[in-house]
Amino acid sequence: MPQVDMCVCETATATTAQINGGKYDPSALWIKSAMEYDHLHPLFGQSFHGNNYISLLKFNRLSIVPYGCDIVRATLYVYIRDQKRLTGNDNRILVFNNLDNFEGPRINWTDRPRIETEPDTSLTFSANFKHSYTSCDITELVIDWHRGLQPNYGISLINQSHDGSCIMLDSKVGTHPPYITIDYLQKSPECCPPLPPVDYLKNEFIDKSSELSGSLADIYSPSVMVNTSQLVSCFVKNICAKPFDINLQISPDNINFIDDLQAITVAPGEMVIITPIHFAKFMRLHINNTLPLDYIEAKIWWQLQTNNYLVL
């Protein structure tokens, strides 16, 4: 089975701390969630008192994996250079898909990229684990990037614990930079008998499901990139006790969105389908939580028929 190793192309630390030259080490990334009453906690010559830190990684060479292949497994590796634990519990770093692009090496907290509401996976290691790589499976996320279902803006690594513990990783300029390995199966043209020319082209079907919830006036799904899609459908099921209105929003750049024309009211327990009227590169679902505001729960399914034809 072919395998490719892909080193990280961009890394950054997003922080609530004031950014200045100081003693910042460009070879290091930081992950820390401040506890409510965080005490002064010196680590590696820096003060991390009361501040949050998130590590950001991006991999941009997915094009070296042939499009007409089946990705079997994708694994993320990060190097734990050191950690300071305030408890003896195991550490768990949540891995979130980014919804916006970023540039390193340091980012103000208010400028950090948005992330999906639920983590894709997590990295788990013991309280005394250091000076070694740890890994986790990110196959589903890499498949989405590779197929173009999700724009590839990288991932955010967030400490699940709020006990003030701090973790240091190697960055892209560190001795042990993050990387991913991808195992794939190449589709062989010899596996099938010759077909008439009219059948040489083959569409590919892609689907993805997720859940949305919240009590805000406007609730949005993560955007999907549909620039290669010939057909796009979004199924929405209302799994709460209150009706809500939905519509699709479209965008040329995944930043500026406008409403598509169609709007549908979804009753409790009802499932509907909504399709775009206009074409755009990016698309997302918008739920209008009409007054009075209440807690909304919905399940959505994106289903795409792509224009990425494969020669058999």
C-alpha atoms as a PDB file:
ATOM      1  CA  MET A   1       0.000   0.000   0.000  1.00  0.00           C
ATOM      2  CA  PRO A   2       1.529   3.386  -0.984  1.00  0.00           C
ATOM      3  CA  GLN A   3       2.234   5.816   1.848  1.00  0.00           C
ATOM      4  CA  VAL A   4       3.280   9.471   1.818  1.00  0.00           C
ATOM      5  CA  ASP A   5       4.701  11.544   4.672  1.00  0.00           C
ATOM      6  CA  MET A   6       3.730  15.213   4.703  1.00  0.00           C
ATOM      7  CA  CYS A   7       5.496  17.729   6.934  1.00  0.00           C
ATOM      8  CA  VAL A   8       3.573  20.696   8.311  1.00  0.00           C
ATOM      9  CA  CYS A   9       3.752  23.835   6.122  1.00  0.00           C
ATOM     10  CA  GLU A  10       2.552  26.424   8.667  1.00  0.00           C
ATOM     11  CA  THR A  11       2.358  26.564  12.465  1.00  0.00           C
ATOM     12  CA  ALA A  12       1.235  29.263  14.888  1.00  0.00           C
ATOM     13  CA  THR A  13       0.288  29.867  18.507  1.00  0.00           C
ATOM     14  CA  ALA A  14      -2.869  31.857  19.208  1.00  0.00           C
ATOM     15  CA  THR A  15      -2.790  33.481  22.649  1.00  0.00           C
ATOM     16  CA  THR A  16      -4.587  35.879  24.952  1.00  0.00           C
ATOM     17  CA  ALA A  17      -1.194  37.073  26.201  1.00  0.00           C
ATOM     18  CA  GLN A  18       0.302  40.302  24.888  1.00  0.00           C
ATOM     19  CA  ILE A  19       2.416  39.574  21.821  1.00  0.00           C
ATOM     20  CA  ASN A  20       5.906  41.037  21.859  1.00  0.00           C
ATOM     21  CA  GLY A  21       9.451  39.964  21.058  1.00  0.00           C
ATOM     22  CA  GLY A  22      10.368  39.006  24.629  1.00  0.00           C
ATOM     23  CA  LYS A  23      11.554  35.459  25.136  1.00  0.00           C
ATOM     24  CA  TYR A  24       9.331  33.929  22.478  1.00  0.00           C
ATOM     25  CA  ASP A  25      10.840  30.727  21.034  1.00  0.00           C
ATOM     26  CA  PRO A  26       9.843  30.323  17.333  1.00  0.00           C
ATOM     27  CA  SER A  27      10.645  26.589  17.486  1.00  0.00           C
ATOM     28  CA  ALA A  28       7.905  25.993  20.089  1.00  0.00           C
ATOM     29  CA  LEU A  29       4.106  25.823  20.061  1.00  0.00           C
ATOM     30  CA  TRP A  30       2.019  26.191  23.225  1.00  0.00           C
ATOM     31  CA  ILE A  31      -1.275  24.669  24.369  1.00  0.00           C
ATOM     32  CA  LYS A  32      -2.921  25.794  27.592  1.00  0.00           C
ATOM     33  CA  SER A  33      -6.426  26.491  28.913  1.00  0.00           C
ATOM     34  CA  ALA A  34      -6.338  28.855  31.859  1.00  0.00           C
ATOM     35  CA  MET A  35      -8.125  27.813  35.016  1.00  0.00           C
ATOM     36  CA  GLU A  36     -10.557  30.225  36.664  1.00  0.00           C
ATOM     37  CA  TYR A  37      -8.093  31.152  39.433  1.00  0.00           C
ATOM     38  CA  ASP A  38      -4.806  30.534  37.625  1.00  0.00           C
ATOM     39  CA  HIS A  39      -1.731  31.187  39.747  1.00  0.00           C
ATOM     40  CA  LEU A  40       1.647  32.391  38.506  1.00  0.00           C
ATOM     41  CA  HIS A  41       3.115  29.412  36.714  1.00  0.00           C
ATOM     42  CA  PRO A  42       6.673  29.910  35.287  1.00  0.00           C
ATOM     43  CA  LEU A  43       7.506  27.513  32.470  1.00  0.00           C
ATOM     44  CA  PHE A  44      10.523  27.531  30.185  1.00  0.00           C
ATOM     45  CA  GLY A  45      11.384  31.124  31.166  1.00  0.00           C
ATOM     46  CA  GLN A  46       7.890  32.487  30.413  1.00  0.00           C
ATOM     47  CA  SER A  47       4.950  33.484  32.586  1.00  0.00           C
ATOM     48  CA  PHE A  48       1.683  31.846  31.543  1.00  0.00           C
ATOM     49  CA  HIS A  49      -0.434  33.438  34.268  1.00  0.00           C
ATOM     50  CA  GLY A  50      -4.129  33.465  33.364  1.00  0.00           C
ATOM     51  CA  ASN A  51      -3.636  33.132  29.574  1.00  0.00           C
ATOM     52  CA  ASN A  52      -4.958  30.700  26.965  1.00  0.00           C
ATOM     53  CA  TYR A  53      -2.798  29.183  24.224  1.00  0.00           C
ATOM     54  CA  ILE A  54      -3.886  27.204  21.118  1.00  0.00           C
ATOM     55  CA  SER A  55      -1.561  25.544  18.599  1.00  0.00           C
ATOM     56  CA  LEU A  56      -2.429  25.781  14.887  1.00  0.00           C
ATOM     57  CA  LEU A  57      -1.133  23.424  12.165  1.00  0.00           C
ATOM     58  CA  LYS A  58      -1.626  23.422   8.395  1.00  0.00           C
ATOM     59  CA  PHE A  59      -0.669  20.863   5.703  1.00  0.00           C
ATOM     60  CA  ASN A  60      -0.955  22.061   2.090  1.00  0.00           C
ATOM     61  CA  ARG A  61       0.591  19.278  -0.046  1.00  0.00           C
ATOM     62  CA  LEU A  62      -2.428  16.958  -0.284  1.00  0.00           C
ATOM     63  CA  SER A  63      -2.240  17.232  -4.077  1.00  0.00           C
ATOM     64  CA  ILE A  64       0.653  14.743  -4.031  1.00  0.00           C
ATOM     65  CA  VAL A  65      -1.932  12.085  -3.126  1.00  0.00           C
ATOM     66  CA  PRO A  66      -3.571  11.068  -6.453  1.00  0.00           C
ATOM     67  CA  TYR A  67      -7.158  12.252  -6.630  1.00  0.00           C
ATOM     68  CA  GLY A  68      -8.510   8.974  -7.970  1.00  0.00           C
ATOM     69  CA  CYS A  69      -7.370   6.962  -4.945  1.00  0.00           C
ATOM     70  CA  ASP A  70      -9.001   5.719  -1.770  1.00  0.00           C
ATOM     71  CA  ILE A  71      -7.399   7.113   1.401  1.00  0.00           C
ATOM     72  CA  VAL A  72      -7.323   4.243   3.877  1.00  0.00           C
ATOM     73  CA  ARG A  73      -5.662   5.918   6.845  1.00  0.00           C
ATOM     74  CA  ALA A  74      -4.273   9.337   7.783  1.00  0.00           C
ATOM     75  CA  THR A  75      -2.348   9.834  11.031  1.00  0.00           C
ATOM     76  CA  LEU A  76      -1.282  13.079  12.714  1.00  0.00           C
ATOM     77  CA  TYR A  77       2.027  13.156  14.642  1.00  0.00           C
ATOM     78  CA  VAL A  78       3.079  15.962  17.012  1.00  0.00           C
ATOM     79  CA  TYR A  79       6.192  16.059  19.173  1.00  0.00           C
ATOM     80  CA  ILE A  80       5.624  16.685  22.901  1.00  0.00           C
ATOM     81  CA  ARG A  81       8.771  18.565  23.883  1.00  0.00           C
ATOM     82  CA  ASP A  82       7.689  19.150  27.477  1.00  0.00           C
ATOM     83  CA  GLN A  83       4.648  19.613  29.700  1.00  0.00           C
ATOM     84  CA  LYS A  84       3.894  20.943  33.147  1.00  0.00           C
ATOM     85  CA  ARG A  85       0.962  19.267  34.874  1.00  0.00           C
ATOM     86  CA  LEU A  86      -0.786  20.616  37.947  1.00  0.00           C
ATOM     87  CA  THR A  87      -2.489  17.242  38.416  1.00  0.00           C
ATOM     88  CA  GLY A  88      -1.500  13.635  37.785  1.00  0.00           C
ATOM     89  CA  ASN A  89      -4.263  13.081  35.230  1.00  0.00           C
ATOM     90  CA  ASP A  90      -3.636  12.067  31.626  1.00  0.00           C
ATOM     91  CA  ASN A  91      -3.614  14.885  29.117  1.00  0.00           C
ATOM     92  CA  ARG A  92      -6.072  15.141  26.227  1.00  0.00           C
ATOM     93  CA  ILE A  93      -5.662  17.579  23.338  1.00  0.00           C
ATOM     94  CA  LEU A  94      -8.744  18.091  21.172  1.00  0.00           C
ATOM     95  CA  VAL A  95      -8.253  18.396  17.392  1.00  0.00           C
ATOM     96  CA  PHE A  96     -10.626  20.832  15.645  1.00  0.00           C
ATOM     97  CA  ASN A  97     -10.968  21.580  11.924  1.00  0.00           C
ATOM     98  CA  ASN A  98     -10.300  25.262  11.140  1.00  0.00           C
ATOM     99  CA  LEU A  99     -12.950  27.257   9.262  1.00  0.00           C
ATOM    100  CA  ASP A 100     -10.590  30.150   8.418  1.00  0.00           C
ATOM    101  CA  ASN A 101      -7.023  30.499   7.192  1.00  0.00           C
ATOM    102  CA  PHE A 102      -4.146  31.712   9.375  1.00  0.00           C
ATOM    103  CA  GLU A 103      -0.522  32.851   9.220  1.00  0.00           C
ATOM    104  CA  GLY A 104       2.027  32.344  11.994  1.00  0.00           C
ATOM    105  CA  PRO A 105       4.018  32.375  14.065  1.00  0.00           C
ATOM    106  CA  ARG A 106       1.890  34.166  16.712  1.00  0.00           C
ATOM    107  CA  ILE A 107      -1.750  35.272  16.528  1.00  0.00           C
ATOM    108  CA  ASN A 108      -3.812  37.539  18.766  1.00  0.00           C
ATOM    109  CA  TRP A 109      -6.670  35.657  20.428  1.00  0.00           C
ATOM    110  CA  THR A 110      -9.320  37.760  18.659  1.00  0.00           C
ATOM    111  CA  ASP A 111      -7.734  37.022  15.256  1.00  0.00           C
ATOM    112  CA  ARG A 112      -7.564  33.234  15.628  1.00  0.00           C
ATOM    113  CA  PRO A 113      -9.475  31.178  13.021  1.00  0.00           C
ATOM    114  CA  ARG A 114     -12.959  29.918  13.759  1.00  0.00           C
ATOM    115  CA  ILE A 115     -13.266  26.185  14.372  1.00  0.00           C
ATOM    116  CA  GLU A 116     -15.979  23.569  14.027  1.00  0.00           C
ATOM    117  CA  THR A 117     -18.224  23.139  17.050  1.00  0.00           C
ATOM    118  CA  GLU A 118     -17.163  19.528  17.666  1.00  0.00           C
ATOM    119  CA  PRO A 119     -13.622  18.072  17.651  1.00  0.00           C
ATOM    120  CA  ASP A 120     -12.687  15.572  14.953  1.00  0.00           C
ATOM    121  CA  THR A 121     -10.457  13.518  17.267  1.00  0.00           C
ATOM    122  CA  SER A 122      -8.039  13.880  20.181  1.00  0.00           C
ATOM    123  CA  LEU A 123      -4.448  13.212  21.243  1.00  0.00           C
ATOM    124  CA  THR A 124      -4.144  11.432  24.602  1.00  0.00           C
ATOM    125  CA  PHE A 125      -0.929  10.841  26.574  1.00  0.00           C
ATOM    126  CA  SER A 126       0.198  10.361  30.164  1.00  0.00           C
ATOM    127  CA  ALA A 127       1.145  13.134  32.583  1.00  0.00           C
ATOM    128  CA  ASN A 128       4.870  12.245  32.400  1.00  0.00           C
ATOM    129  CA  PHE A 129       5.012  11.821  28.596  1.00  0.00           C
ATOM    130  CA  LYS A 130       7.620  14.068  26.914  1.00  0.00           C
ATOM    131  CA  HIS A 131      10.472  14.134  24.369  1.00  0.00           C
ATOM    132  CA  SER A 132       8.570  11.922  21.951  1.00  0.00           C
ATOM    133  CA  TYR A 133       5.926  11.928  19.215  1.00  0.00           C
ATOM    134  CA  THR A 134       2.284  11.140  19.965  1.00  0.00           C
ATOM    135  CA  SER A 135      -0.302  10.460  17.273  1.00  0.00           C
ATOM    136  CA  CYS A 136      -4.008  10.185  16.453  1.00  0.00           C
ATOM    137  CA  ASP A 137      -6.181   9.194  13.499  1.00  0.00           C
ATOM    138  CA  ILE A 138      -7.460  12.057  11.275  1.00  0.00           C
ATOM    139  CA  THR A 139      -8.597   9.946   8.298  1.00  0.00           C
ATOM    140  CA  GLU A 140     -12.097  11.406   7.925  1.00  0.00           C
ATOM    141  CA  LEU A 141     -10.813  14.981   8.041  1.00  0.00           C
ATOM    142  CA  VAL A 142      -8.060  14.358   5.454  1.00  0.00           C
ATOM    143  CA  ILE A 143     -10.569  12.650   3.145  1.00  0.00           C
ATOM    144  CA  ASP A 144     -12.803  15.746   3.358  1.00  0.00           C
ATOM    145  CA  TRP A 145      -9.830  18.000   2.518  1.00  0.00           C
ATOM    146  CA  HIS A 146      -8.676  15.747  -0.305  1.00  0.00           C
ATOM    147  CA  ARG A 147     -12.121  15.522  -1.898  1.00  0.00           C
ATOM    148  CA  GLY A 148     -12.721  19.248  -1.497  1.00  0.00           C
ATOM    149  CA  LEU A 149     -15.713  18.808   0.809  1.00  0.00           C
ATOM    150  CA  GLN A 150     -13.989  21.019   3.397  1.00  0.00           C
ATOM    151  CA  PRO A 151     -11.503  23.820   2.615  1.00  0.00           C
ATOM    152  CA  ASN A 152      -8.084  22.901   3.978  1.00  0.00           C
ATOM    153  CA  TYR A 153      -7.293  25.593   6.552  1.00  0.00           C
ATOM    154  CA  GLY A 154      -5.587  23.184   8.943  1.00  0.00           C
ATOM    155  CA  ILE A 155      -6.404  22.313  12.540  1.00  0.00           C
ATOM    156  CA  SER A 156      -6.461  23.838  16.021  1.00  0.00           C
ATOM    157  CA  LEU A 157      -5.104  21.898  19.014  1.00  0.00           C
ATOM    158  CA  ILE A 158      -6.880  22.791  22.272  1.00  0.00           C
ATOM    159  CA  ASN A 159      -6.255  21.439  25.761  1.00  0.00           C
ATOM    160  CA  GLN A 160      -9.435  19.840  27.100  1.00  0.00           C
ATOM    161  CA  SER A 161      -8.316  20.362  30.704  1.00  0.00           C
ATOM    162  CA  HIS A 162      -8.877  23.698  32.468  1.00  0.00           C
ATOM    163  CA  ASP A 163      -6.454  22.984  35.304  1.00  0.00           C
ATOM    164  CA  GLY A 164      -3.810  25.477  34.112  1.00  0.00           C
ATOM    165  CA  SER A 165      -1.483  22.778  32.750  1.00  0.00           C
ATOM    166  CA  CYS A 166       0.767  23.753  29.840  1.00  0.00           C
ATOM    167  CA  ILE A 167       2.088  21.692  26.914  1.00  0.00           C
ATOM    168  CA  MET A 168       4.963  22.590  24.575  1.00  0.00           C
ATOM    169  CA  LEU A 169       5.186  21.138  21.038  1.00  0.00           C
ATOM    170  CA  ASP A 170       7.828  21.512  18.353  1.00  0.00           C
ATOM    171  CA  SER A 171       6.806  23.949  15.585  1.00  0.00           C
ATOM    172  CA  LYS A 172       7.619  23.748  11.869  1.00  0.00           C
ATOM    173  CA  VAL A 173      11.120  25.111  12.604  1.00  0.00           C
ATOM    174  CA  GLY A 174      11.671  22.815  15.604  1.00  0.00           C
ATOM    175  CA  THR A 175      13.868  19.746  15.585  1.00  0.00           C
ATOM    176  CA  HIS A 176      10.808  17.451  15.388  1.00  0.00           C
ATOM    177  CA  PRO A 177       8.084  19.252  13.362  1.00  0.00           C
ATOM    178  CA  PRO A 178       4.495  17.931  13.136  1.00  0.00           C
ATOM    179  CA  TYR A 179       3.649  15.714  10.169  1.00  0.00           C
ATOM    180  CA  ILE A 180       0.967  13.394   8.816  1.00  0.00           C
ATOM    181  CA  THR A 181       1.214  10.034   7.071  1.00  0.00           C
ATOM    182  CA  ILE A 182      -1.354   8.986   4.482  1.00  0.00           C
ATOM    183  CA  ASP A 183      -1.906   5.389   3.355  1.00  0.00           C
ATOM    184  CA  TYR A 184      -3.939   5.040   0.170  1.00  0.00           C
ATOM    185  CA  LEU A 185      -5.031   2.546  -2.474  1.00  0.00           C
ATOM    186  CA  GLN A 186      -4.455   3.569  -6.081  1.00  0.00           C
ATOM    187  CA  LYS A 187      -7.316   2.592  -8.367  1.00  0.00           C
ATOM    188  CA  SER A 188      -5.876   0.459 -11.141  1.00  0.00           C
ATOM    189  CA  PRO A 189      -7.069   0.867 -14.740  1.00  0.00           C
ATOM    190  CA  GLU A 190      -6.335  -2.842 -15.268  1.00  0.00           C
ATOM    191  CA  CYS A 191      -8.880  -3.937 -12.669  1.00  0.00           C
ATOM    192  CA  CYS A 192     -11.845  -3.513 -15.029  1.00  0.00           C
ATOM    193  CA  PRO A 193     -12.467  -4.597 -18.649  1.00  0.00           C
ATOM    194  CA  PRO A 194     -12.531  -1.897 -21.340  1.00  0.00           C
ATOM    195  CA  LEU A 195     -15.802   0.017 -21.502  1.00  0.00           C
ATOM    196  CA  PRO A 196     -17.425   1.859 -24.392  1.00  0.00           C
ATOM    197  CA  PRO A 197     -16.242   5.493 -24.614  1.00  0.00           C
ATOM    198  CA  VAL A 198     -19.570   6.827 -23.342  1.00  0.00           C
ATOM    199  CA  ASP A 199     -18.963   5.012 -20.032  1.00  0.00           C
ATOM    200  CA  TYR A 200     -15.387   6.114 -19.504  1.00  0.00           C
ATOM    201  CA  LEU A 201     -16.451   8.972 -17.253  1.00  0.00           C
ATOM    202  CA  LYS A 202     -17.608   8.272 -13.736  1.00  0.00           C
ATOM    203  CA  ASN A 203     -19.094  10.637 -11.142  1.00  0.00           C
ATOM    204  CA  GLU A 204     -18.242  10.412  -7.450  1.00  0.00           C
ATOM    205  CA  PHE A 205     -20.820  10.649  -4.652  1.00  0.00           C
ATOM    206  CA  ILE A 206     -19.853  12.376  -1.384  1.00  0.00           C
ATOM    207  CA  ASP A 207     -21.908  12.727   1.782  1.00  0.00           C
ATOM    208  CA  LYS A 208     -21.288  14.172   5.258  1.00  0.00           C
ATOM    209  CA  SER A 209     -23.539  14.488   8.304  1.00  0.00           C
ATOM    210  CA  SER A 210     -23.342  16.674  11.393  1.00  0.00           C
ATOM    211  CA  GLU A 211     -25.474  18.087  14.198  1.00  0.00           C
ATOM    212  CA  LEU A 212     -26.233  21.724  14.994  1.00  0.00           C
ATOM    213  CA  SER A 213     -27.483  23.088  18.299  1.00  0.00           C
ATOM    214  CA  GLY A 214     -27.630  26.307  20.265  1.00  0.00           C
ATOM    215  CA  SER A 215     -29.847  29.104  21.535  1.00  0.00           C
ATOM    216  CA  LEU A 216     -28.496  32.007  19.466  1.00  0.00           C
ATOM    217  CA  ALA A 217     -30.715  33.894  17.039  1.00  0.00           C
ATOM    218  CA  ASP A 218     -28.618  32.658  14.072  1.00  0.00           C
ATOM    219  CA  ILE A 219     -27.001  29.208  13.951  1.00  0.00           C
ATOM    220  CA  TYR A 220     -24.641  28.248  11.105  1.00  0.00           C
ATOM    221  CA  SER A 221     -23.240  24.943   9.909  1.00  0.00           C
ATOM    222  CA  PRO A 222     -19.573  24.609   8.932  1.00  0.00           C
ATOM    223  CA  SER A 223     -19.183  25.627   5.294  1.00  0.00           C
ATOM    224  CA  VAL A 224     -18.609  23.086   2.530  1.00  0.00           C
ATOM    225  CA  MET A 225     -16.618  23.716  -0.643  1.00  0.00           C
ATOM    226  CA  VAL A 226     -18.783  22.742  -3.632  1.00  0.00           C
ATOM    227  CA  ASN A 227     -16.841  24.164  -6.587  1.00  0.00           C
ATOM    228  CA  THR A 228     -16.493  20.712  -8.217  1.00  0.00           C
ATOM    229  CA  SER A 229     -20.070  19.615  -7.528  1.00  0.00           C
ATOM    230  CA  GLN A 230     -22.696  19.146 -10.185  1.00  0.00           C
ATOM    231  CA  LEU A 231     -25.525  18.433  -7.718  1.00  0.00           C
ATOM    232  CA  VAL A 232     -25.839  19.568  -4.076  1.00  0.00           C
ATOM    233  CA  SER A 233     -28.570  18.679  -1.583  1.00  0.00           C
ATOM    234  CA  CYS A 234     -28.899  19.379   2.138  1.00  0.00           C
ATOM    235  CA  PHE A 235     -31.301  17.317   4.267  1.00  0.00           C
ATOM    236  CA  VAL A 236     -32.337  18.909   7.572  1.00  0.00           C
ATOM    237  CA  LYS A 237     -34.202  17.187  10.423  1.00  0.00           C
ATOM    238  CA  ASN A 238     -35.662  19.149  13.336  1.00  0.00           C
ATOM    239  CA  ILE A 239     -34.992  17.127  16.511  1.00  0.00           C
ATOM    240  CA  CYS A 240     -36.243  19.747  18.992  1.00  0.00           C
ATOM    241  CA  ALA A 241     -39.728  20.785  20.136  1.00  0.00           C
ATOM    242  CA  LYS A 242     -39.836  24.134  18.329  1.00  0.00           C
ATOM    243  CA  PRO A 243     -40.137  24.976  14.601  1.00  0.00           C
ATOM    244  CA  PHE A 244     -37.369  26.971  12.936  1.00  0.00           C
ATOM    245  CA  ASP A 245     -36.621  28.523   9.549  1.00  0.00           C
ATOM    246  CA  ILE A 246     -33.686  27.497   7.364  1.00  0.00           C
ATOM    247  CA  ASN A 247     -31.972  28.795   4.251  1.00  0.00           C
ATOM    248  CA  LEU A 248     -28.698  28.231   2.451  1.00  0.00           C
ATOM    249  CA  GLN A 249     -25.998  30.894   2.366  1.00  0.00           C
ATOM    250  CA  ILE A 250     -23.426  31.053  -0.429  1.00  0.00           C
ATOM    251  CA  SER A 251     -20.005  32.673  -0.656  1.00  0.00           C
ATOM    252  CA  PRO A 252     -17.176  33.188  -3.172  1.00  0.00           C
ATOM    253  CA  ASP A 253     -14.418  33.226  -0.515  1.00  0.00           C
ATOM    254  CA  ASN A 254     -15.763  31.523   2.656  1.00  0.00           C
ATOM    255  CA  ILE A 255     -15.770  34.932   4.374  1.00  0.00           C
ATOM    256  CA  ASN A 256     -18.562  37.005   2.798  1.00  0.00           C
ATOM    257  CA  PHE A 257     -21.896  35.136   2.715  1.00  0.00           C
ATOM    258  CA  ILE A 258     -25.261  36.088   1.222  1.00  0.00           C
ATOM    259  CA  ASP A 259     -28.646  34.347   1.500  1.00  0.00           C
ATOM    260  CA  ASP A 260     -29.762  32.030  -1.273  1.00  0.00           C
ATOM    261  CA  LEU A 261     -33.367  32.710  -2.258  1.00  0.00           C
ATOM    262  CA  GLN A 262     -35.125  29.633  -0.872  1.00  0.00           C
ATOM    263  CA  ALA A 263     -36.324  29.570   2.771  1.00  0.00           C
ATOM    264  CA  ILE A 264     -38.165  26.692   4.494  1.00  0.00           C
ATOM    265  CA  THR A 265     -39.900  26.316   7.867  1.00  0.00           C
ATOM    266  CA  VAL A 266     -39.123  22.974   9.554  1.00  0.00           C
ATOM    267  CA  ALA A 267     -41.665  21.662  12.074  1.00  0.00           C
ATOM    268  CA  PRO A 268     -40.646  19.574  15.136  1.00  0.00           C
ATOM    269  CA  GLY A 269     -39.728  16.047  14.024  1.00  0.00           C
ATOM    270  CA  GLU A 270     -39.896  17.007  10.341  1.00  0.00           C
ATOM    271  CA  MET A 271     -37.160  16.377   7.768  1.00  0.00           C
ATOM    272  CA  VAL A 272     -36.872  18.557   4.654  1.00  0.00           C
ATOM    273  CA  ILE A 273     -34.499  18.928   1.730  1.00  0.00           C
ATOM    274  CA  ILE A 274     -33.087  22.230   0.517  1.00  0.00           C
ATOM    275  CA  THR A 275     -30.997  22.803  -2.613  1.00  0.00           C
ATOM    276  CA  PRO A 276     -29.153  25.900  -3.847  1.00  0.00           C
ATOM    277  CA  ILE A 277     -30.687  28.123  -6.510  1.00  0.00           C
ATOM    278  CA  HIS A 278     -27.425  29.915  -7.280  1.00  0.00           C
ATOM    279  CA  PHE A 279     -23.942  28.448  -7.727  1.00  0.00           C
ATOM    280  CA  ALA A 280     -20.989  29.475  -5.524  1.00  0.00           C
ATOM    281  CA  LYS A 281     -17.709  27.966  -4.341  1.00  0.00           C
ATOM    282  CA  PHE A 282     -18.745  27.765  -0.652  1.00  0.00           C
ATOM    283  CA  MET A 283     -22.059  27.019   1.003  1.00  0.00           C
ATOM    284  CA  ARG A 284     -23.457  26.675   4.526  1.00  0.00           C
ATOM    285  CA  LEU A 285     -26.819  26.152   6.232  1.00  0.00           C
ATOM    286  CA  HIS A 286     -28.371  28.965   8.272  1.00  0.00           C
ATOM    287  CA  ILE A 287     -30.986  28.290  10.986  1.00  0.00           C
ATOM    288  CA  ASN A 288     -33.117  31.252  12.045  1.00  0.00           C
ATOM    289  CA  ASN A 289     -34.078  30.757  15.694  1.00  0.00           C
ATOM    290  CA  THR A 290     -37.233  32.891  15.657  1.00  0.00           C
ATOM    291  CA  LEU A 291     -38.409  34.774  18.738  1.00  0.00           C
ATOM    292  CA  PRO A 292     -38.790  33.863  21.492  1.00  0.00           C
ATOM    293  CA  LEU A 293     -35.285  32.363  21.469  1.00  0.00           C
ATOM    294  CA  ASP A 294     -35.118  28.708  22.470  1.00  0.00           C
ATOM    295  CA  TYR A 295     -32.629  25.838  22.338  1.00  0.00           C
ATOM    296  CA  ILE A 296     -32.426  24.459  18.803  1.00  0.00           C
ATOM    297  CA  GLU A 297     -31.276  20.978  17.764  1.00  0.00           C
ATOM    298  CA  ALA A 298     -31.015  19.763  14.186  1.00  0.00           C
ATOM    299  CA  LYS A 299     -29.264  17.088  12.179  1.00  0.00           C
ATOM    300  CA  ILE A 300     -28.041  17.828   8.659  1.00  0.00           C
ATOM    301  CA  TRP A 301     -26.786  15.688   5.781  1.00  0.00           C
ATOM    302  CA  TRP A 302     -24.833  17.156   2.850  1.00  0.00           C
ATOM    303  CA  GLN A 303     -24.927  15.030  -0.305  1.00  0.00           C
ATOM    304  CA  LEU A 304     -22.868  15.986  -3.365  1.00  0.00           C
ATOM    305  CA  GLN A 305     -22.474  14.529  -6.844  1.00  0.00           C
ATOM    306  CA  THR A 306     -19.105  15.756  -8.053  1.00  0.00           C
ATOM    307  CA  ASN A 307     -17.741  16.671 -11.471  1.00  0.00           C
ATOM    308  CA  ASN A 308     -14.394  15.031 -10.653  1.00  0.00           C
ATOM    309  CA  TYR A 309     -14.508  12.392 -13.369  1.00  0.00           C
ATOM    310  CA  LEU A 310     -12.216   9.386 -13.184  1.00  0.00           C
ATOM    311  CA  VAL A 311     -10.921   7.388 -16.168  1.00  0.00           C
ATOM    312  CA  LEU A 312     -11.532   3.710 -15.429  1.00  0.00           C
END
